[in-house]
């Protein structure tokens, strides 16, 4: 059976995406751009192959995730 090899990304809503990116850059060393940050990693079963992960904060009123809504 095939296995999951990655999750693709971490996408979330925040009141201030720019401040969030700046905080993560300053305190955690994220190399952010207009979309967030991209991470490259090597796959355990084949270290010659790369995997990628995108980290992106979105404005809290975005409809990018529609029709999903935040559940409180």
PDB file of N, CA and C in Angstrom:
ATOM      1  N   UNK A   1       0.835  -1.164   0.000  1.00  0.00           N
ATOM      2  CA  UNK A   1       0.000   0.000   0.000  1.00  0.00           C
ATOM      3  C   UNK A   1       0.891   1.242   0.000  1.00  0.00           C
ATOM      4  N   UNK A   2       0.526   2.240  -0.800  1.00  0.00           N
ATOM      5  CA  UNK A   2       1.263   3.493  -0.836  1.00  0.00           C
ATOM      6  C   UNK A   2       1.005   4.290   0.433  1.00  0.00           C
ATOM      7  N   UNK A   3       1.999   5.098   0.812  1.00  0.00           N
ATOM      8  CA  UNK A   3       1.900   5.898   2.022  1.00  0.00           C
ATOM      9  C   UNK A   3       1.899   7.375   1.667  1.00  0.00           C
ATOM     10  N   UNK A   4       1.371   8.166   2.575  1.00  0.00           N
ATOM     11  CA  UNK A   4       1.419   9.615   2.424  1.00  0.00           C
ATOM     12  C   UNK A   4       2.873  10.039   2.574  1.00  0.00           C
ATOM     13  N   UNK A   5       3.327  10.910   1.683  1.00  0.00           N
ATOM     14  CA  UNK A   5       4.723  11.357   1.739  1.00  0.00           C
ATOM     15  C   UNK A   5       4.855  12.813   2.148  1.00  0.00           C
ATOM     16  N   UNK A   6       3.746  13.514   2.311  1.00  0.00           N
ATOM     17  CA  UNK A   6       3.798  14.902   2.725  1.00  0.00           C
ATOM     18  C   UNK A   6       2.394  15.452   2.872  1.00  0.00           C
ATOM     19  N   UNK A   7       2.299  16.656   3.420  1.00  0.00           N
ATOM     20  CA  UNK A   7       0.974  17.252   3.585  1.00  0.00           C
ATOM     21  C   UNK A   7       0.751  18.427   2.641  1.00  0.00           C
ATOM     22  N   UNK A   8       1.797  18.846   1.931  1.00  0.00           N
ATOM     23  CA  UNK A   8       1.642  19.930   0.969  1.00  0.00           C
ATOM     24  C   UNK A   8       1.785  21.311   1.571  1.00  0.00           C
ATOM     25  N   UNK A   9       1.138  21.523   2.705  1.00  0.00           N
ATOM     26  CA  UNK A   9       1.266  22.852   3.281  1.00  0.00           C
ATOM     27  C   UNK A   9       0.464  23.054   4.542  1.00  0.00           C
ATOM     28  N   UNK A  10       0.750  24.172   5.157  1.00  0.00           N
ATOM     29  CA  UNK A  10       0.030  24.626   6.343  1.00  0.00           C
ATOM     30  C   UNK A  10      -0.545  25.989   5.987  1.00  0.00           C
ATOM     31  N   UNK A  11      -1.856  26.074   5.939  1.00  0.00           N
ATOM     32  CA  UNK A  11      -2.553  27.285   5.526  1.00  0.00           C
ATOM     33  C   UNK A  11      -3.524  27.668   6.638  1.00  0.00           C
ATOM     34  N   UNK A  12      -3.483  28.922   7.053  1.00  0.00           N
ATOM     35  CA  UNK A  12      -4.337  29.326   8.166  1.00  0.00           C
ATOM     36  C   UNK A  12      -4.694  30.801   8.060  1.00  0.00           C
ATOM     37  N   UNK A  13      -5.733  31.183   8.785  1.00  0.00           N
ATOM     38  CA  UNK A  13      -6.207  32.564   8.787  1.00  0.00           C
ATOM     39  C   UNK A  13      -5.678  33.301  10.013  1.00  0.00           C
ATOM     40  N   UNK A  14      -5.415  34.598   9.836  1.00  0.00           N
ATOM     41  CA  UNK A  14      -4.950  35.444  10.931  1.00  0.00           C
ATOM     42  C   UNK A  14      -5.400  36.880  10.674  1.00  0.00           C
ATOM     43  N   UNK A  15      -5.517  37.662  11.719  1.00  0.00           N
ATOM     44  CA  UNK A  15      -5.946  39.056  11.554  1.00  0.00           C
ATOM     45  C   UNK A  15      -4.953  39.866  10.738  1.00  0.00           C
ATOM     46  N   UNK A  16      -3.655  39.585  10.899  1.00  0.00           N
ATOM     47  CA  UNK A  16      -2.627  40.376  10.229  1.00  0.00           C
ATOM     48  C   UNK A  16      -1.546  39.451   9.653  1.00  0.00           C
ATOM     49  N   UNK A  17      -1.726  38.972   8.414  1.00  0.00           N
ATOM     50  CA  UNK A  17      -0.752  38.050   7.824  1.00  0.00           C
ATOM     51  C   UNK A  17       0.654  38.638   7.713  1.00  0.00           C
ATOM     52  N   UNK A  18       0.754  39.928   7.455  1.00  0.00           N
ATOM     53  CA  UNK A  18       2.082  40.539   7.315  1.00  0.00           C
ATOM     54  C   UNK A  18       2.822  40.507   8.656  1.00  0.00           C
ATOM     55  N   UNK A  19       2.141  40.911   9.721  1.00  0.00           N
ATOM     56  CA  UNK A  19       2.762  40.873  11.052  1.00  0.00           C
ATOM     57  C   UNK A  19       3.093  39.438  11.454  1.00  0.00           C
ATOM     58  N   UNK A  20       2.234  38.496  11.100  1.00  0.00           N
ATOM     59  CA  UNK A  20       2.476  37.088  11.418  1.00  0.00           C
ATOM     60  C   UNK A  20       3.741  36.604  10.709  1.00  0.00           C
ATOM     61  N   UNK A  21       3.866  36.923   9.417  1.00  0.00           N
ATOM     62  CA  UNK A  21       5.075  36.530   8.676  1.00  0.00           C
ATOM     63  C   UNK A  21       6.315  37.188   9.272  1.00  0.00           C
ATOM     64  N   UNK A  22       6.208  38.447   9.645  1.00  0.00           N
ATOM     65  CA  UNK A  22       7.347  39.145  10.248  1.00  0.00           C
ATOM     66  C   UNK A  22       7.755  38.505  11.577  1.00  0.00           C
ATOM     67  N   UNK A  23       6.775  38.127  12.394  1.00  0.00           N
ATOM     68  CA  UNK A  23       7.065  37.499  13.678  1.00  0.00           C
ATOM     69  C   UNK A  23       7.788  36.167  13.465  1.00  0.00           C
ATOM     70  N   UNK A  24       7.278  35.340  12.558  1.00  0.00           N
ATOM     71  CA  UNK A  24       7.901  34.043  12.295  1.00  0.00           C
ATOM     72  C   UNK A  24       9.303  34.208  11.709  1.00  0.00           C
ATOM     73  N   UNK A  25       9.508  35.239  10.894  1.00  0.00           N
ATOM     74  CA  UNK A  25      10.837  35.511  10.341  1.00  0.00           C
ATOM     75  C   UNK A  25      11.799  35.921  11.450  1.00  0.00           C
ATOM     76  N   UNK A  26      11.350  36.822  12.315  1.00  0.00           N
ATOM     77  CA  UNK A  26      12.217  37.349  13.378  1.00  0.00           C
ATOM     78  C   UNK A  26      12.532  36.303  14.446  1.00  0.00           C
ATOM     79  N   UNK A  27      11.502  35.585  14.906  1.00  0.00           N
ATOM     80  CA  UNK A  27      11.672  34.704  16.058  1.00  0.00           C
ATOM     81  C   UNK A  27      11.998  33.256  15.705  1.00  0.00           C
ATOM     82  N   UNK A  28      11.603  32.815  14.515  1.00  0.00           N
ATOM     83  CA  UNK A  28      11.837  31.418  14.148  1.00  0.00           C
ATOM     84  C   UNK A  28      12.698  31.255  12.898  1.00  0.00           C
ATOM     85  N   UNK A  29      13.101  32.374  12.305  1.00  0.00           N
ATOM     86  CA  UNK A  29      14.005  32.312  11.171  1.00  0.00           C
ATOM     87  C   UNK A  29      13.371  31.919   9.849  1.00  0.00           C
ATOM     88  N   UNK A  30      12.039  32.032   9.745  1.00  0.00           N
ATOM     89  CA  UNK A  30      11.384  31.708   8.471  1.00  0.00           C
ATOM     90  C   UNK A  30      11.838  32.707   7.405  1.00  0.00           C
ATOM     91  N   UNK A  31      12.135  32.214   6.225  1.00  0.00           N
ATOM     92  CA  UNK A  31      12.469  33.054   5.083  1.00  0.00           C
ATOM     93  C   UNK A  31      11.158  33.308   4.334  1.00  0.00           C
ATOM     94  N   UNK A  32      10.458  34.397   4.699  1.00  0.00           N
ATOM     95  CA  UNK A  32       9.122  34.631   4.158  1.00  0.00           C
ATOM     96  C   UNK A  32       9.148  35.508   2.910  1.00  0.00           C
ATOM     97  N   UNK A  33       8.107  35.344   2.107  1.00  0.00           N
ATOM     98  CA  UNK A  33       7.885  36.183   0.935  1.00  0.00           C
ATOM     99  C   UNK A  33       6.403  36.554   0.913  1.00  0.00           C
ATOM    100  N   UNK A  34       5.895  37.031  -0.199  1.00  0.00           N
ATOM    101  CA  UNK A  34       4.492  37.465  -0.244  1.00  0.00           C
ATOM    102  C   UNK A  34       3.505  36.335   0.033  1.00  0.00           C
ATOM    103  N   UNK A  35       3.904  35.088  -0.160  1.00  0.00           N
ATOM    104  CA  UNK A  35       3.013  33.944   0.036  1.00  0.00           C
ATOM    105  C   UNK A  35       3.180  33.270   1.392  1.00  0.00           C
ATOM    106  N   UNK A  36       4.261  33.530   2.068  1.00  0.00           N
ATOM    107  CA  UNK A  36       4.566  32.868   3.337  1.00  0.00           C
ATOM    108  C   UNK A  36       5.986  32.358   3.306  1.00  0.00           C
ATOM    109  N   UNK A  37       6.152  31.050   3.477  1.00  0.00           N
ATOM    110  CA  UNK A  37       7.482  30.442   3.447  1.00  0.00           C
ATOM    111  C   UNK A  37       7.384  29.057   2.813  1.00  0.00           C
ATOM    112  N   UNK A  38       8.425  28.681   2.108  1.00  0.00           N
ATOM    113  CA  UNK A  38       8.506  27.350   1.505  1.00  0.00           C
ATOM    114  C   UNK A  38       9.629  26.580   2.176  1.00  0.00           C
ATOM    115  N   UNK A  39       9.402  25.311   2.391  1.00  0.00           N
ATOM    116  CA  UNK A  39      10.394  24.443   3.014  1.00  0.00           C
ATOM    117  C   UNK A  39      10.677  23.267   2.092  1.00  0.00           C
ATOM    118  N   UNK A  40      11.934  22.910   1.990  1.00  0.00           N
ATOM    119  CA  UNK A  40      12.363  21.753   1.212  1.00  0.00           C
ATOM    120  C   UNK A  40      12.892  20.711   2.188  1.00  0.00           C
ATOM    121  N   UNK A  41      12.581  19.456   1.936  1.00  0.00           N
ATOM    122  CA  UNK A  41      13.099  18.385   2.782  1.00  0.00           C
ATOM    123  C   UNK A  41      13.439  17.192   1.909  1.00  0.00           C
ATOM    124  N   UNK A  42      14.214  16.277   2.447  1.00  0.00           N
ATOM    125  CA  UNK A  42      14.590  15.042   1.749  1.00  0.00           C
ATOM    126  C   UNK A  42      13.685  13.913   2.227  1.00  0.00           C
ATOM    127  N   UNK A  43      13.326  13.044   1.307  1.00  0.00           N
ATOM    128  CA  UNK A  43      12.457  11.922   1.651  1.00  0.00           C
ATOM    129  C   UNK A  43      13.274  10.797   2.285  1.00  0.00           C
ATOM    130  N   UNK A  44      12.776  10.230   3.372  1.00  0.00           N
ATOM    131  CA  UNK A  44      13.501   9.174   4.088  1.00  0.00           C
ATOM    132  C   UNK A  44      13.816   7.980   3.207  1.00  0.00           C
ATOM    133  N   UNK A  45      12.841   7.532   2.449  1.00  0.00           N
ATOM    134  CA  UNK A  45      13.021   6.319   1.655  1.00  0.00           C
ATOM    135  C   UNK A  45      13.850   6.552   0.396  1.00  0.00           C
ATOM    136  N   UNK A  46      14.021   7.818   0.012  1.00  0.00           N
ATOM    137  CA  UNK A  46      14.823   8.146  -1.160  1.00  0.00           C
ATOM    138  C   UNK A  46      15.412   9.548  -0.969  1.00  0.00           C
ATOM    139  N   UNK A  47      16.539   9.639  -0.265  1.00  0.00           N
ATOM    140  CA  UNK A  47      17.117  10.945   0.067  1.00  0.00           C
ATOM    141  C   UNK A  47      17.492  11.803  -1.146  1.00  0.00           C
ATOM    142  N   UNK A  48      17.570  11.213  -2.319  1.00  0.00           N
ATOM    143  CA  UNK A  48      17.853  12.002  -3.523  1.00  0.00           C
ATOM    144  C   UNK A  48      16.640  12.808  -3.976  1.00  0.00           C
ATOM    145  N   UNK A  49      15.458  12.424  -3.514  1.00  0.00           N
ATOM    146  CA  UNK A  49      14.229  13.136  -3.880  1.00  0.00           C
ATOM    147  C   UNK A  49      13.892  14.190  -2.841  1.00  0.00           C
ATOM    148  N   UNK A  50      13.445  15.339  -3.315  1.00  0.00           N
ATOM    149  CA  UNK A  50      13.039  16.421  -2.429  1.00  0.00           C
ATOM    150  C   UNK A  50      11.522  16.442  -2.268  1.00  0.00           C
ATOM    151  N   UNK A  51      11.090  16.894  -1.109  1.00  0.00           N
ATOM    152  CA  UNK A  51       9.690  17.170  -0.856  1.00  0.00           C
ATOM    153  C   UNK A  51       9.565  18.645  -0.525  1.00  0.00           C
ATOM    154  N   UNK A  52       8.359  19.158  -0.654  1.00  0.00           N
ATOM    155  CA  UNK A  52       8.141  20.583  -0.428  1.00  0.00           C
ATOM    156  C   UNK A  52       6.938  20.800   0.475  1.00  0.00           C
ATOM    157  N   UNK A  53       6.999  21.861   1.264  1.00  0.00           N
ATOM    158  CA  UNK A  53       5.913  22.241   2.162  1.00  0.00           C
ATOM    159  C   UNK A  53       5.757  23.754   2.091  1.00  0.00           C
ATOM    160  N   UNK A  54       4.528  24.204   1.955  1.00  0.00           N
ATOM    161  CA  UNK A  54       4.243  25.638   1.932  1.00  0.00           C
ATOM    162  C   UNK A  54       3.566  26.033   3.236  1.00  0.00           C
ATOM    163  N   UNK A  55       4.021  27.122   3.839  1.00  0.00           N
ATOM    164  CA  UNK A  55       3.434  27.694   5.056  1.00  0.00           C
ATOM    165  C   UNK A  55       2.887  29.061   4.681  1.00  0.00           C
ATOM    166  N   UNK A  56       1.564  29.253   4.806  1.00  0.00           N
ATOM    167  CA  UNK A  56       0.960  30.501   4.346  1.00  0.00           C
ATOM    168  C   UNK A  56      -0.142  30.999   5.272  1.00  0.00           C
ATOM    169  N   UNK A  57       0.050  32.177   5.857  1.00  0.00           N
ATOM    170  CA  UNK A  57      -1.035  32.810   6.601  1.00  0.00           C
ATOM    171  C   UNK A  57      -1.899  33.645   5.652  1.00  0.00           C
ATOM    172  N   UNK A  58      -3.197  33.581   5.847  1.00  0.00           N
ATOM    173  CA  UNK A  58      -4.158  34.337   5.038  1.00  0.00           C
ATOM    174  C   UNK A  58      -4.897  35.325   5.929  1.00  0.00           C
ATOM    175  N   UNK A  59      -5.385  36.402   5.365  1.00  0.00           N
ATOM    176  CA  UNK A  59      -6.223  37.361   6.087  1.00  0.00           C
ATOM    177  C   UNK A  59      -7.458  36.635   6.611  1.00  0.00           C
ATOM    178  N   UNK A  60      -7.888  36.976   7.815  1.00  0.00           N
ATOM    179  CA  UNK A  60      -8.992  36.249   8.455  1.00  0.00           C
ATOM    180  C   UNK A  60     -10.326  36.350   7.727  1.00  0.00           C
ATOM    181  N   UNK A  61     -10.488  37.318   6.836  1.00  0.00           N
ATOM    182  CA  UNK A  61     -11.753  37.426   6.108  1.00  0.00           C
ATOM    183  C   UNK A  61     -11.664  36.884   4.676  1.00  0.00           C
ATOM    184  N   UNK A  62     -10.605  36.138   4.363  1.00  0.00           N
ATOM    185  CA  UNK A  62     -10.456  35.578   3.015  1.00  0.00           C
ATOM    186  C   UNK A  62     -11.565  34.567   2.719  1.00  0.00           C
ATOM    187  N   UNK A  63     -11.914  34.456   1.457  1.00  0.00           N
ATOM    188  CA  UNK A  63     -12.853  33.404   1.046  1.00  0.00           C
ATOM    189  C   UNK A  63     -12.099  32.281   0.329  1.00  0.00           C
ATOM    190  N   UNK A  64     -10.774  32.292   0.446  1.00  0.00           N
ATOM    191  CA  UNK A  64      -9.924  31.290  -0.205  1.00  0.00           C
ATOM    192  C   UNK A  64     -10.314  29.872   0.195  1.00  0.00           C
ATOM    193  N   UNK A  65     -10.746  29.686   1.428  1.00  0.00           N
ATOM    194  CA  UNK A  65     -11.081  28.360   1.926  1.00  0.00           C
ATOM    195  C   UNK A  65     -12.567  28.026   1.789  1.00  0.00           C
ATOM    196  N   UNK A  66     -13.342  28.904   1.163  1.00  0.00           N
ATOM    197  CA  UNK A  66     -14.789  28.694   1.028  1.00  0.00           C
ATOM    198  C   UNK A  66     -15.063  27.362   0.351  1.00  0.00           C
ATOM    199  N   UNK A  67     -16.082  26.655   0.774  1.00  0.00           N
ATOM    200  CA  UNK A  67     -17.150  27.046   1.682  1.00  0.00           C
ATOM    201  C   UNK A  67     -16.861  26.714   3.140  1.00  0.00           C
ATOM    202  N   UNK A  68     -15.659  26.314   3.486  1.00  0.00           N
ATOM    203  CA  UNK A  68     -15.345  25.993   4.878  1.00  0.00           C
ATOM    204  C   UNK A  68     -15.327  27.242   5.737  1.00  0.00           C
ATOM    205  N   UNK A  69     -15.714  27.072   7.002  1.00  0.00           N
ATOM    206  CA  UNK A  69     -15.684  28.170   7.964  1.00  0.00           C
ATOM    207  C   UNK A  69     -14.973  27.701   9.218  1.00  0.00           C
ATOM    208  N   UNK A  70     -14.485  28.663   9.960  1.00  0.00           N
ATOM    209  CA  UNK A  70     -13.841  28.358  11.232  1.00  0.00           C
ATOM    210  C   UNK A  70     -14.898  27.812  12.195  1.00  0.00           C
ATOM    211  N   UNK A  71     -14.571  26.740  12.864  1.00  0.00           N
ATOM    212  CA  UNK A  71     -15.478  26.152  13.856  1.00  0.00           C
ATOM    213  C   UNK A  71     -14.990  26.565  15.230  1.00  0.00           C
ATOM    214  N   UNK A  72     -15.852  27.178  15.989  1.00  0.00           N
ATOM    215  CA  UNK A  72     -15.466  27.624  17.336  1.00  0.00           C
ATOM    216  C   UNK A  72     -15.767  26.592  18.371  1.00  0.00           C
TER     217      UNK A  72
END
